[in-house]
Structure formats: structure tokens, C-alpha cells
Amino acid sequence: MCVLIVTVGEVKPEISLLLAIACGIVLTICLLSYVSPLIDEISSIAKIGGVEPELVSIALKAVGICVSVQIASDVCRDSGQSALASKLELGGRLALLIVALPLFRRLLNLAVEIIGK
């Protein structure tokens, strides 16, 4: 597929970009079929290990944000929009911090509990 995209890109660069995006979407959709069994396995391992479901949920959300932002920023870079890709990555980092806030709160509470106020 890559050879086709490069070949088409020499003649029609705008079609090459659309073809690359379409290939990326198809590949992502194919890979999504592996996500559900992976989430089930991670959840079952966490349950065996005594990890709270809320913590597993936070970790899975963080991974989802990372993957989504990476795909979107790659598409931006492929289309020549490096500045937009950088802003998107910054937004992803902020989203990760927001998702991780409950973990920071728990860590702070644990530290206060250990220190003894």
C-alpha cells in the first residue's frame, strides 16, 4: 500500500494524502477488533491482583488518549501541518493530566495519611 501511495503522490499529491488517511483509518478499524479482548484480559488480571476497577479505568482511558492523539497528530504531520500536530499533542498531554487527577488526589491522601497530618 505504501508503494501505491508514493507512486500516486508523484502524480497527484492531494490524492496521495487522502489515500494515506483512508489506509490509516482502515488499519485502525482492523486493529480495534483486538481492543475488547485486551481490555477484558487487563481487567481480569487487575481483578486477580486486587487492583480497584477505577484505577484500571483511568489507565485504559490514558492509553486511549495516547493512541488517539498519536494517530491524529500523525495525520496532521502527514498533511504538512506540524504546528497543528504539536498543539494536538499538547492537548493530549493536558487530557492525560485531567484523567490522572484522581490518581494524584489518592497519592496525596496516602502521603498525608502516612505522614500523619
PDB file of N, CA and C in Angstrom:
ATOM      1  N   MET A   1       0.823  -1.187   0.000  1.00  0.00           N
ATOM      2  CA  MET A   1       0.000   0.000   0.000  1.00  0.00           C
ATOM      3  C   MET A   1       0.869   1.253   0.000  1.00  0.00           C
ATOM      4  N   CYS A   2       1.968   1.184   0.730  1.00  0.00           N
ATOM      5  CA  CYS A   2       2.873   2.329   0.810  1.00  0.00           C
ATOM      6  C   CYS A   2       3.440   2.680  -0.569  1.00  0.00           C
ATOM      7  N   VAL A   3       3.767   1.662  -1.339  1.00  0.00           N
ATOM      8  CA  VAL A   3       4.302   1.894  -2.688  1.00  0.00           C
ATOM      9  C   VAL A   3       3.247   2.595  -3.542  1.00  0.00           C
ATOM     10  N   LEU A   4       2.005   2.177  -3.430  1.00  0.00           N
ATOM     11  CA  LEU A   4       0.912   2.803  -4.182  1.00  0.00           C
ATOM     12  C   LEU A   4       0.772   4.274  -3.791  1.00  0.00           C
ATOM     13  N   ILE A   5       0.827   4.548  -2.496  1.00  0.00           N
ATOM     14  CA  ILE A   5       0.677   5.927  -2.023  1.00  0.00           C
ATOM     15  C   ILE A   5       1.813   6.801  -2.549  1.00  0.00           C
ATOM     16  N   VAL A   6       3.043   6.283  -2.518  1.00  0.00           N
ATOM     17  CA  VAL A   6       4.191   7.049  -3.012  1.00  0.00           C
ATOM     18  C   VAL A   6       4.079   7.267  -4.515  1.00  0.00           C
ATOM     19  N   THR A   7       3.671   6.227  -5.231  1.00  0.00           N
ATOM     20  CA  THR A   7       3.536   6.330  -6.684  1.00  0.00           C
ATOM     21  C   THR A   7       2.465   7.347  -7.064  1.00  0.00           C
ATOM     22  N   VAL A   8       1.322   7.262  -6.411  1.00  0.00           N
ATOM     23  CA  VAL A   8       0.235   8.214  -6.690  1.00  0.00           C
ATOM     24  C   VAL A   8       0.672   9.623  -6.281  1.00  0.00           C
ATOM     25  N   GLY A   9       1.450   9.717  -5.180  1.00  0.00           N
ATOM     26  CA  GLY A   9       1.903  11.015  -4.691  1.00  0.00           C
ATOM     27  C   GLY A   9       2.759  11.773  -5.675  1.00  0.00           C
ATOM     28  N   GLU A  10       3.477  11.062  -6.526  1.00  0.00           N
ATOM     29  CA  GLU A  10       4.302  11.725  -7.531  1.00  0.00           C
ATOM     30  C   GLU A  10       3.451  12.401  -8.598  1.00  0.00           C
ATOM     31  N   VAL A  11       2.279  11.849  -8.855  1.00  0.00           N
ATOM     32  CA  VAL A  11       1.399  12.400  -9.885  1.00  0.00           C
ATOM     33  C   VAL A  11       0.361  13.340  -9.278  1.00  0.00           C
ATOM     34  N   LYS A  12      -0.310  12.869  -8.219  1.00  0.00           N
ATOM     35  CA  LYS A  12      -1.382  13.644  -7.570  1.00  0.00           C
ATOM     36  C   LYS A  12      -1.169  13.638  -6.051  1.00  0.00           C
ATOM     37  N   PRO A  13      -0.419  14.594  -5.534  1.00  0.00           N
ATOM     38  CA  PRO A  13      -0.135  14.603  -4.097  1.00  0.00           C
ATOM     39  C   PRO A  13      -1.382  14.687  -3.218  1.00  0.00           C
ATOM     40  N   GLU A  14      -2.399  15.423  -3.666  1.00  0.00           N
ATOM     41  CA  GLU A  14      -3.615  15.565  -2.859  1.00  0.00           C
ATOM     42  C   GLU A  14      -4.365  14.241  -2.726  1.00  0.00           C
ATOM     43  N   ILE A  15      -4.343  13.437  -3.769  1.00  0.00           N
ATOM     44  CA  ILE A  15      -4.985  12.119  -3.709  1.00  0.00           C
ATOM     45  C   ILE A  15      -4.147  11.180  -2.847  1.00  0.00           C
ATOM     46  N   SER A  16      -2.853  11.339  -2.900  1.00  0.00           N
ATOM     47  CA  SER A  16      -1.957  10.520  -2.095  1.00  0.00           C
ATOM     48  C   SER A  16      -2.244  10.709  -0.604  1.00  0.00           C
ATOM     49  N   LEU A  17      -2.469  11.951  -0.191  1.00  0.00           N
ATOM     50  CA  LEU A  17      -2.776  12.229   1.208  1.00  0.00           C
ATOM     51  C   LEU A  17      -4.093  11.573   1.614  1.00  0.00           C
ATOM     52  N   LEU A  18      -5.103  11.708   0.773  1.00  0.00           N
ATOM     53  CA  LEU A  18      -6.402  11.091   1.083  1.00  0.00           C
ATOM     54  C   LEU A  18      -6.296   9.572   1.129  1.00  0.00           C
ATOM     55  N   LEU A  19      -5.504   9.016   0.242  1.00  0.00           N
ATOM     56  CA  LEU A  19      -5.298   7.572   0.218  1.00  0.00           C
ATOM     57  C   LEU A  19      -4.580   7.110   1.492  1.00  0.00           C
ATOM     58  N   ALA A  20      -3.592   7.872   1.935  1.00  0.00           N
ATOM     59  CA  ALA A  20      -2.868   7.537   3.162  1.00  0.00           C
ATOM     60  C   ALA A  20      -3.791   7.617   4.374  1.00  0.00           C
ATOM     61  N   ILE A  21      -4.633   8.634   4.423  1.00  0.00           N
ATOM     62  CA  ILE A  21      -5.589   8.764   5.531  1.00  0.00           C
ATOM     63  C   ILE A  21      -6.574   7.606   5.514  1.00  0.00           C
ATOM     64  N   ALA A  22      -7.079   7.261   4.336  1.00  0.00           N
ATOM     65  CA  ALA A  22      -8.027   6.144   4.222  1.00  0.00           C
ATOM     66  C   ALA A  22      -7.379   4.833   4.670  1.00  0.00           C
ATOM     67  N   CYS A  23      -6.150   4.617   4.272  1.00  0.00           N
ATOM     68  CA  CYS A  23      -5.432   3.400   4.701  1.00  0.00           C
ATOM     69  C   CYS A  23      -5.256   3.381   6.209  1.00  0.00           C
ATOM     70  N   GLY A  24      -4.930   4.515   6.767  1.00  0.00           N
ATOM     71  CA  GLY A  24      -4.780   4.612   8.216  1.00  0.00           C
ATOM     72  C   GLY A  24      -6.067   4.307   8.945  1.00  0.00           C
ATOM     73  N   ILE A  25      -7.183   4.790   8.416  1.00  0.00           N
ATOM     74  CA  ILE A  25      -8.488   4.530   9.027  1.00  0.00           C
ATOM     75  C   ILE A  25      -8.828   3.050   8.956  1.00  0.00           C
ATOM     76  N   VAL A  26      -8.614   2.443   7.789  1.00  0.00           N
ATOM     77  CA  VAL A  26      -8.904   1.014   7.630  1.00  0.00           C
ATOM     78  C   VAL A  26      -8.040   0.182   8.571  1.00  0.00           C
ATOM     79  N   LEU A  27      -6.769   0.510   8.659  1.00  0.00           N
ATOM     80  CA  LEU A  27      -5.868  -0.222   9.545  1.00  0.00           C
ATOM     81  C   LEU A  27      -6.292  -0.062  11.007  1.00  0.00           C
ATOM     82  N   THR A  28      -6.664   1.147  11.394  1.00  0.00           N
ATOM     83  CA  THR A  28      -7.121   1.393  12.762  1.00  0.00           C
ATOM     84  C   THR A  28      -8.374   0.591  13.076  1.00  0.00           C
ATOM     85  N   ILE A  29      -9.313   0.547  12.149  1.00  0.00           N
ATOM     86  CA  ILE A  29     -10.539  -0.223  12.350  1.00  0.00           C
ATOM     87  C   ILE A  29     -10.217  -1.705  12.504  1.00  0.00           C
ATOM     88  N   CYS A  30      -9.290  -2.194  11.696  1.00  0.00           N
ATOM     89  CA  CYS A  30      -8.884  -3.604  11.824  1.00  0.00           C
ATOM     90  C   CYS A  30      -8.248  -3.880  13.181  1.00  0.00           C
ATOM     91  N   LEU A  31      -7.444  -2.959  13.667  1.00  0.00           N
ATOM     92  CA  LEU A  31      -6.773  -3.147  14.951  1.00  0.00           C
ATOM     93  C   LEU A  31      -7.734  -3.029  16.130  1.00  0.00           C
ATOM     94  N   LEU A  32      -8.830  -2.315  15.951  1.00  0.00           N
ATOM     95  CA  LEU A  32      -9.794  -2.151  17.033  1.00  0.00           C
ATOM     96  C   LEU A  32     -10.436  -3.476  17.447  1.00  0.00           C
ATOM     97  N   SER A  33     -10.425  -4.461  16.564  1.00  0.00           N
ATOM     98  CA  SER A  33     -11.009  -5.757  16.922  1.00  0.00           C
ATOM     99  C   SER A  33     -10.204  -6.440  18.030  1.00  0.00           C
ATOM    100  N   TYR A  34      -8.960  -6.015  18.229  1.00  0.00           N
ATOM    101  CA  TYR A  34      -8.120  -6.590  19.279  1.00  0.00           C
ATOM    102  C   TYR A  34      -8.284  -5.875  20.621  1.00  0.00           C
ATOM    103  N   VAL A  35      -8.950  -4.748  20.625  1.00  0.00           N
ATOM    104  CA  VAL A  35      -9.038  -3.936  21.835  1.00  0.00           C
ATOM    105  C   VAL A  35      -9.914  -4.582  22.899  1.00  0.00           C
ATOM    106  N   SER A  36     -11.078  -5.058  22.527  1.00  0.00           N
ATOM    107  CA  SER A  36     -12.005  -5.623  23.516  1.00  0.00           C
ATOM    108  C   SER A  36     -11.406  -6.816  24.267  1.00  0.00           C
ATOM    109  N   PRO A  37     -10.830  -7.809  23.585  1.00  0.00           N
ATOM    110  CA  PRO A  37     -10.210  -8.903  24.333  1.00  0.00           C
ATOM    111  C   PRO A  37      -9.051  -8.423  25.218  1.00  0.00           C
ATOM    112  N   LEU A  38      -8.327  -7.431  24.752  1.00  0.00           N
ATOM    113  CA  LEU A  38      -7.216  -6.889  25.535  1.00  0.00           C
ATOM    114  C   LEU A  38      -7.729  -6.233  26.816  1.00  0.00           C
ATOM    115  N   ILE A  39      -8.775  -5.436  26.697  1.00  0.00           N
ATOM    116  CA  ILE A  39      -9.367  -4.789  27.868  1.00  0.00           C
ATOM    117  C   ILE A  39      -9.898  -5.834  28.843  1.00  0.00           C
ATOM    118  N   ASP A  40     -10.564  -6.861  28.327  1.00  0.00           N
ATOM    119  CA  ASP A  40     -11.066  -7.932  29.195  1.00  0.00           C
ATOM    120  C   ASP A  40      -9.939  -8.618  29.944  1.00  0.00           C
ATOM    121  N   GLU A  41      -8.844  -8.893  29.256  1.00  0.00           N
ATOM    122  CA  GLU A  41      -7.706  -9.566  29.889  1.00  0.00           C
ATOM    123  C   GLU A  41      -7.051  -8.678  30.946  1.00  0.00           C
ATOM    124  N   ILE A  42      -6.884  -7.410  30.633  1.00  0.00           N
ATOM    125  CA  ILE A  42      -6.302  -6.474  31.606  1.00  0.00           C
ATOM    126  C   ILE A  42      -7.191  -6.373  32.832  1.00  0.00           C
ATOM    127  N   SER A  43      -8.499  -6.293  32.622  1.00  0.00           N
ATOM    128  CA  SER A  43      -9.436  -6.209  33.745  1.00  0.00           C
ATOM    129  C   SER A  43      -9.388  -7.467  34.605  1.00  0.00           C
ATOM    130  N   SER A  44      -9.299  -8.627  33.977  1.00  0.00           N
ATOM    131  CA  SER A  44      -9.255  -9.862  34.746  1.00  0.00           C
ATOM    132  C   SER A  44      -7.942  -9.982  35.518  1.00  0.00           C
ATOM    133  N   ILE A  45      -6.840  -9.575  34.935  1.00  0.00           N
ATOM    134  CA  ILE A  45      -5.550  -9.588  35.637  1.00  0.00           C
ATOM    135  C   ILE A  45      -5.594  -8.618  36.822  1.00  0.00           C
ATOM    136  N   ALA A  46      -6.179  -7.455  36.600  1.00  0.00           N
ATOM    137  CA  ALA A  46      -6.281  -6.466  37.674  1.00  0.00           C
ATOM    138  C   ALA A  46      -7.152  -6.985  38.815  1.00  0.00           C
ATOM    139  N   LYS A  47      -8.224  -7.674  38.463  1.00  0.00           N
ATOM    140  CA  LYS A  47      -9.118  -8.230  39.489  1.00  0.00           C
ATOM    141  C   LYS A  47      -8.387  -9.276  40.318  1.00  0.00           C
ATOM    142  N   ILE A  48      -7.620 -10.135  39.651  1.00  0.00           N
ATOM    143  CA  ILE A  48      -6.841 -11.153  40.360  1.00  0.00           C
ATOM    144  C   ILE A  48      -5.816 -10.489  41.284  1.00  0.00           C
ATOM    145  N   GLY A  49      -5.221  -9.409  40.813  1.00  0.00           N
ATOM    146  CA  GLY A  49      -4.215  -8.700  41.594  1.00  0.00           C
ATOM    147  C   GLY A  49      -4.792  -7.780  42.648  1.00  0.00           C
ATOM    148  N   GLY A  50      -6.105  -7.650  42.699  1.00  0.00           N
ATOM    149  CA  GLY A  50      -6.733  -6.800  43.698  1.00  0.00           C
ATOM    150  C   GLY A  50      -6.690  -5.314  43.374  1.00  0.00           C
ATOM    151  N   VAL A  51      -6.486  -4.985  42.122  1.00  0.00           N
ATOM    152  CA  VAL A  51      -6.455  -3.582  41.711  1.00  0.00           C
ATOM    153  C   VAL A  51      -7.895  -3.093  41.552  1.00  0.00           C
ATOM    154  N   GLU A  52      -8.159  -1.913  42.076  1.00  0.00           N
ATOM    155  CA  GLU A  52      -9.507  -1.359  42.009  1.00  0.00           C
ATOM    156  C   GLU A  52      -9.901  -1.069  40.557  1.00  0.00           C
ATOM    157  N   PRO A  53     -11.161  -1.335  40.207  1.00  0.00           N
ATOM    158  CA  PRO A  53     -11.625  -1.081  38.828  1.00  0.00           C
ATOM    159  C   PRO A  53     -11.455   0.371  38.391  1.00  0.00           C
ATOM    160  N   GLU A  54     -11.567   1.301  39.325  1.00  0.00           N
ATOM    161  CA  GLU A  54     -11.406   2.719  38.983  1.00  0.00           C
ATOM    162  C   GLU A  54      -9.993   2.999  38.465  1.00  0.00           C
ATOM    163  N   LEU A  55      -9.002   2.346  39.064  1.00  0.00           N
ATOM    164  CA  LEU A  55      -7.622   2.554  38.622  1.00  0.00           C
ATOM    165  C   LEU A  55      -7.387   1.961  37.236  1.00  0.00           C
ATOM    166  N   VAL A  56      -7.991   0.806  36.982  1.00  0.00           N
ATOM    167  CA  VAL A  56      -7.888   0.192  35.656  1.00  0.00           C
ATOM    168  C   VAL A  56      -8.549   1.096  34.619  1.00  0.00           C
ATOM    169  N   SER A  57      -9.689   1.650  34.971  1.00  0.00           N
ATOM    170  CA  SER A  57     -10.404   2.546  34.068  1.00  0.00           C
ATOM    171  C   SER A  57      -9.559   3.771  33.716  1.00  0.00           C
ATOM    172  N   ILE A  58      -8.911   4.342  34.723  1.00  0.00           N
ATOM    173  CA  ILE A  58      -8.061   5.506  34.480  1.00  0.00           C
ATOM    174  C   ILE A  58      -6.912   5.138  33.543  1.00  0.00           C
ATOM    175  N   ALA A  59      -6.295   3.989  33.786  1.00  0.00           N
ATOM    176  CA  ALA A  59      -5.168   3.559  32.933  1.00  0.00           C
ATOM    177  C   ALA A  59      -5.633   3.329  31.497  1.00  0.00           C
ATOM    178  N   LEU A  60      -6.783   2.693  31.325  1.00  0.00           N
ATOM    179  CA  LEU A  60      -7.285   2.433  29.969  1.00  0.00           C
ATOM    180  C   LEU A  60      -7.661   3.727  29.252  1.00  0.00           C
ATOM    181  N   LYS A  61      -8.241   4.682  29.984  1.00  0.00           N
ATOM    182  CA  LYS A  61      -8.548   5.982  29.385  1.00  0.00           C
ATOM    183  C   LYS A  61      -7.265   6.674  28.935  1.00  0.00           C
ATOM    184  N   ALA A  62      -6.234   6.606  29.762  1.00  0.00           N
ATOM    185  CA  ALA A  62      -4.959   7.238  29.423  1.00  0.00           C
ATOM    186  C   ALA A  62      -4.368   6.623  28.161  1.00  0.00           C
ATOM    187  N   VAL A  63      -4.419   5.303  28.072  1.00  0.00           N
ATOM    188  CA  VAL A  63      -3.909   4.628  26.872  1.00  0.00           C
ATOM    189  C   VAL A  63      -4.726   5.041  25.648  1.00  0.00           C
ATOM    190  N   GLY A  64      -6.035   5.109  25.797  1.00  0.00           N
ATOM    191  CA  GLY A  64      -6.905   5.529  24.691  1.00  0.00           C
ATOM    192  C   GLY A  64      -6.585   6.936  24.216  1.00  0.00           C
ATOM    193  N   ILE A  65      -6.360   7.828  25.163  1.00  0.00           N
ATOM    194  CA  ILE A  65      -5.997   9.200  24.804  1.00  0.00           C
ATOM    195  C   ILE A  65      -4.670   9.219  24.047  1.00  0.00           C
ATOM    196  N   CYS A  66      -3.695   8.479  24.549  1.00  0.00           N
ATOM    197  CA  CYS A  66      -2.374   8.440  23.898  1.00  0.00           C
ATOM    198  C   CYS A  66      -2.470   7.936  22.461  1.00  0.00           C
ATOM    199  N   VAL A  67      -3.190   6.849  22.269  1.00  0.00           N
ATOM    200  CA  VAL A  67      -3.310   6.265  20.934  1.00  0.00           C
ATOM    201  C   VAL A  67      -4.056   7.210  19.996  1.00  0.00           C
ATOM    202  N   SER A  68      -5.163   7.772  20.469  1.00  0.00           N
ATOM    203  CA  SER A  68      -5.956   8.679  19.626  1.00  0.00           C
ATOM    204  C   SER A  68      -5.161   9.910  19.218  1.00  0.00           C
ATOM    205  N   VAL A  69      -4.469  10.504  20.178  1.00  0.00           N
ATOM    206  CA  VAL A  69      -3.694  11.706  19.892  1.00  0.00           C
ATOM    207  C   VAL A  69      -2.543  11.382  18.945  1.00  0.00           C
ATOM    208  N   GLN A  70      -1.904  10.231  19.144  1.00  0.00           N
ATOM    209  CA  GLN A  70      -0.793   9.854  18.257  1.00  0.00           C
ATOM    210  C   GLN A  70      -1.275   9.696  16.815  1.00  0.00           C
ATOM    211  N   ILE A  71      -2.400   9.018  16.635  1.00  0.00           N
ATOM    212  CA  ILE A  71      -2.941   8.831  15.286  1.00  0.00           C
ATOM    213  C   ILE A  71      -3.293  10.176  14.657  1.00  0.00           C
ATOM    214  N   ALA A  72      -3.982  11.022  15.423  1.00  0.00           N
ATOM    215  CA  ALA A  72      -4.395  12.324  14.892  1.00  0.00           C
ATOM    216  C   ALA A  72      -3.185  13.205  14.569  1.00  0.00           C
ATOM    217  N   SER A  73      -2.185  13.202  15.439  1.00  0.00           N
ATOM    218  CA  SER A  73      -1.015  14.045  15.159  1.00  0.00           C
ATOM    219  C   SER A  73      -0.217  13.510  13.978  1.00  0.00           C
ATOM    220  N   ASP A  74      -0.182  12.192  13.811  1.00  0.00           N
ATOM    221  CA  ASP A  74       0.490  11.631  12.632  1.00  0.00           C
ATOM    222  C   ASP A  74      -0.213  12.055  11.341  1.00  0.00           C
ATOM    223  N   VAL A  75      -1.542  12.063  11.367  1.00  0.00           N
ATOM    224  CA  VAL A  75      -2.294  12.507  10.187  1.00  0.00           C
ATOM    225  C   VAL A  75      -1.978  13.974   9.902  1.00  0.00           C
ATOM    226  N   CYS A  76      -1.913  14.788  10.952  1.00  0.00           N
ATOM    227  CA  CYS A  76      -1.582  16.201  10.754  1.00  0.00           C
ATOM    228  C   CYS A  76      -0.188  16.362  10.158  1.00  0.00           C
ATOM    229  N   ARG A  77       0.765  15.607  10.675  1.00  0.00           N
ATOM    230  CA  ARG A  77       2.134  15.704  10.152  1.00  0.00           C
ATOM    231  C   ARG A  77       2.209  15.224   8.706  1.00  0.00           C
ATOM    232  N   ASP A  78       1.483  14.145   8.395  1.00  0.00           N
ATOM    233  CA  ASP A  78       1.467  13.635   7.026  1.00  0.00           C
ATOM    234  C   ASP A  78       0.908  14.666   6.051  1.00  0.00           C
ATOM    235  N   SER A  79      -0.006  15.506   6.542  1.00  0.00           N
ATOM    236  CA  SER A  79      -0.583  16.516   5.662  1.00  0.00           C
ATOM    237  C   SER A  79       0.182  17.830   5.712  1.00  0.00           C
ATOM    238  N   GLY A  80       1.335  17.822   6.401  1.00  0.00           N
ATOM    239  CA  GLY A  80       2.178  19.005   6.423  1.00  0.00           C
ATOM    240  C   GLY A  80       1.812  20.019   7.496  1.00  0.00           C
ATOM    241  N   GLN A  81       0.999  19.638   8.440  1.00  0.00           N
ATOM    242  CA  GLN A  81       0.551  20.546   9.492  1.00  0.00           C
ATOM    243  C   GLN A  81       1.265  20.231  10.811  1.00  0.00           C
ATOM    244  N   SER A  82       2.561  20.455  10.845  1.00  0.00           N
ATOM    245  CA  SER A  82       3.363  20.132  12.028  1.00  0.00           C
ATOM    246  C   SER A  82       2.957  20.954  13.247  1.00  0.00           C
ATOM    247  N   ALA A  83       2.653  22.232  13.034  1.00  0.00           N
ATOM    248  CA  ALA A  83       2.258  23.088  14.156  1.00  0.00           C
ATOM    249  C   ALA A  83       0.956  22.584  14.780  1.00  0.00           C
ATOM    250  N   LEU A  84       0.010  22.202  13.938  1.00  0.00           N
ATOM    251  CA  LEU A  84      -1.256  21.671  14.433  1.00  0.00           C
ATOM    252  C   LEU A  84      -1.034  20.357  15.180  1.00  0.00           C
ATOM    253  N   ALA A  85      -0.135  19.525  14.670  1.00  0.00           N
ATOM    254  CA  ALA A  85       0.177  18.259  15.336  1.00  0.00           C
ATOM    255  C   ALA A  85       0.761  18.513  16.718  1.00  0.00           C
ATOM    256  N   SER A  86       1.613  19.496  16.839  1.00  0.00           N
ATOM    257  CA  SER A  86       2.203  19.829  18.141  1.00  0.00           C
ATOM    258  C   SER A  86       1.153  20.322  19.119  1.00  0.00           C
ATOM    259  N   LYS A  87       0.233  21.131  18.639  1.00  0.00           N
ATOM    260  CA  LYS A  87      -0.849  21.626  19.511  1.00  0.00           C
ATOM    261  C   LYS A  87      -1.757  20.476  19.940  1.00  0.00           C
ATOM    262  N   LEU A  88      -1.995  19.562  19.038  1.00  0.00           N
ATOM    263  CA  LEU A  88      -2.818  18.396  19.350  1.00  0.00           C
ATOM    264  C   LEU A  88      -2.146  17.541  20.425  1.00  0.00           C
ATOM    265  N   GLU A  89      -0.844  17.369  20.308  1.00  0.00           N
ATOM    266  CA  GLU A  89      -0.102  16.603  21.321  1.00  0.00           C
ATOM    267  C   GLU A  89      -0.141  17.301  22.675  1.00  0.00           C
ATOM    268  N   LEU A  90      -0.061  18.627  22.677  1.00  0.00           N
ATOM    269  CA  LEU A  90      -0.176  19.374  23.924  1.00  0.00           C
ATOM    270  C   LEU A  90      -1.556  19.157  24.544  1.00  0.00           C
ATOM    271  N   GLY A  91      -2.578  19.205  23.717  1.00  0.00           N
ATOM    272  CA  GLY A  91      -3.937  18.937  24.201  1.00  0.00           C
ATOM    273  C   GLY A  91      -4.064  17.532  24.772  1.00  0.00           C
ATOM    274  N   GLY A  92      -3.404  16.573  24.143  1.00  0.00           N
ATOM    275  CA  GLY A  92      -3.422  15.200  24.649  1.00  0.00           C
ATOM    276  C   GLY A  92      -2.753  15.093  26.003  1.00  0.00           C
ATOM    277  N   ARG A  93      -1.655  15.810  26.175  1.00  0.00           N
ATOM    278  CA  ARG A  93      -0.969  15.802  27.478  1.00  0.00           C
ATOM    279  C   ARG A  93      -1.859  16.400  28.556  1.00  0.00           C
ATOM    280  N   LEU A  94      -2.549  17.484  28.218  1.00  0.00           N
ATOM    281  CA  LEU A  94      -3.470  18.085  29.181  1.00  0.00           C
ATOM    282  C   LEU A  94      -4.617  17.132  29.516  1.00  0.00           C
ATOM    283  N   ALA A  95      -5.128  16.444  28.509  1.00  0.00           N
ATOM    284  CA  ALA A  95      -6.202  15.478  28.748  1.00  0.00           C
ATOM    285  C   ALA A  95      -5.721  14.348  29.660  1.00  0.00           C
ATOM    286  N   LEU A  96      -4.476  13.913  29.470  1.00  0.00           N
ATOM    287  CA  LEU A  96      -3.900  12.887  30.350  1.00  0.00           C
ATOM    288  C   LEU A  96      -3.832  13.372  31.791  1.00  0.00           C
ATOM    289  N   LEU A  97      -3.416  14.611  31.978  1.00  0.00           N
ATOM    290  CA  LEU A  97      -3.358  15.158  33.332  1.00  0.00           C
ATOM    291  C   LEU A  97      -4.736  15.211  33.967  1.00  0.00           C
ATOM    292  N   ILE A  98      -5.729  15.599  33.196  1.00  0.00           N
ATOM    293  CA  ILE A  98      -7.093  15.664  33.717  1.00  0.00           C
ATOM    294  C   ILE A  98      -7.586  14.277  34.109  1.00  0.00           C
ATOM    295  N   VAL A  99      -7.324  13.288  33.257  1.00  0.00           N
ATOM    296  CA  VAL A  99      -7.746  11.920  33.555  1.00  0.00           C
ATOM    297  C   VAL A  99      -7.018  11.389  34.794  1.00  0.00           C
ATOM    298  N   ALA A 100      -5.765  11.800  34.983  1.00  0.00           N
ATOM    299  CA  ALA A 100      -4.951  11.292  36.092  1.00  0.00           C
ATOM    300  C   ALA A 100      -5.176  12.035  37.404  1.00  0.00           C
ATOM    301  N   LEU A 101      -5.979  13.084  37.413  1.00  0.00           N
ATOM    302  CA  LEU A 101      -6.199  13.842  38.643  1.00  0.00           C
ATOM    303  C   LEU A 101      -6.657  12.971  39.820  1.00  0.00           C
ATOM    304  N   PRO A 102      -7.565  12.034  39.624  1.00  0.00           N
ATOM    305  CA  PRO A 102      -7.944  11.182  40.767  1.00  0.00           C
ATOM    306  C   PRO A 102      -6.755  10.395  41.342  1.00  0.00           C
ATOM    307  N   LEU A 103      -5.820  10.009  40.487  1.00  0.00           N
ATOM    308  CA  LEU A 103      -4.633   9.311  40.975  1.00  0.00           C
ATOM    309  C   LEU A 103      -3.762  10.241  41.816  1.00  0.00           C
ATOM    310  N   PHE A 104      -3.597  11.472  41.371  1.00  0.00           N
ATOM    311  CA  PHE A 104      -2.817  12.438  42.135  1.00  0.00           C
ATOM    312  C   PHE A 104      -3.469  12.694  43.488  1.00  0.00           C
ATOM    313  N   ARG A 105      -4.792  12.799  43.510  1.00  0.00           N
ATOM    314  CA  ARG A 105      -5.514  13.021  44.759  1.00  0.00           C
ATOM    315  C   ARG A 105      -5.304  11.851  45.713  1.00  0.00           C
ATOM    316  N   ARG A 106      -5.398  10.627  45.193  1.00  0.00           N
ATOM    317  CA  ARG A 106      -5.191   9.444  46.030  1.00  0.00           C
ATOM    318  C   ARG A 106      -3.773   9.403  46.574  1.00  0.00           C
ATOM    319  N   LEU A 107      -2.815   9.752  45.736  1.00  0.00           N
ATOM    320  CA  LEU A 107      -1.426   9.762  46.165  1.00  0.00           C
ATOM    321  C   LEU A 107      -1.200  10.790  47.273  1.00  0.00           C
ATOM    322  N   LEU A 108      -1.779  11.951  47.119  1.00  0.00           N
ATOM    323  CA  LEU A 108      -1.664  12.993  48.133  1.00  0.00           C
ATOM    324  C   LEU A 108      -2.317  12.549  49.438  1.00  0.00           C
ATOM    325  N   ASN A 109      -3.512  11.953  49.353  1.00  0.00           N
ATOM    326  CA  ASN A 109      -4.192  11.461  50.551  1.00  0.00           C
ATOM    327  C   ASN A 109      -3.366  10.379  51.244  1.00  0.00           C
ATOM    328  N   LEU A 110      -2.763   9.508  50.472  1.00  0.00           N
ATOM    329  CA  LEU A 110      -1.924   8.458  51.039  1.00  0.00           C
ATOM    330  C   LEU A 110      -0.706   9.055  51.731  1.00  0.00           C
ATOM    331  N   ALA A 111      -0.093  10.054  51.118  1.00  0.00           N
ATOM    332  CA  ALA A 111       1.067  10.703  51.720  1.00  0.00           C
ATOM    333  C   ALA A 111       0.685  11.384  53.034  1.00  0.00           C
ATOM    334  N   VAL A 112      -0.447  12.058  53.039  1.00  0.00           N
ATOM    335  CA  VAL A 112      -0.916  12.723  54.260  1.00  0.00           C
ATOM    336  C   VAL A 112      -1.208  11.687  55.344  1.00  0.00           C
ATOM    337  N   GLU A 113      -1.801  10.581  54.950  1.00  0.00           N
ATOM    338  CA  GLU A 113      -2.118   9.513  55.898  1.00  0.00           C
ATOM    339  C   GLU A 113      -0.846   8.911  56.481  1.00  0.00           C
ATOM    340  N   ILE A 114       0.168   8.702  55.665  1.00  0.00           N
ATOM    341  CA  ILE A 114       1.427   8.124  56.135  1.00  0.00           C
ATOM    342  C   ILE A 114       2.149   9.099  57.068  1.00  0.00           C
ATOM    343  N   ILE A 115       2.171  10.363  56.680  1.00  0.00           N
ATOM    344  CA  ILE A 115       2.856  11.380  57.497  1.00  0.00           C
ATOM    345  C   ILE A 115       2.113  11.581  58.814  1.00  0.00           C
ATOM    346  N   GLY A 116       0.799  11.447  58.783  1.00  0.00           N
ATOM    347  CA  GLY A 116       0.005  11.589  59.994  1.00  0.00           C
ATOM    348  C   GLY A 116      -0.473  12.996  60.265  1.00  0.00           C
ATOM    349  N   LYS A 117      -0.681  13.734  59.215  1.00  0.00           N
ATOM    350  CA  LYS A 117      -1.187  15.115  59.263  1.00  0.00           C
ATOM    351  C   LYS A 117      -0.243  15.950  60.041  1.00  0.00           C
TER     352      LYS A 117
END
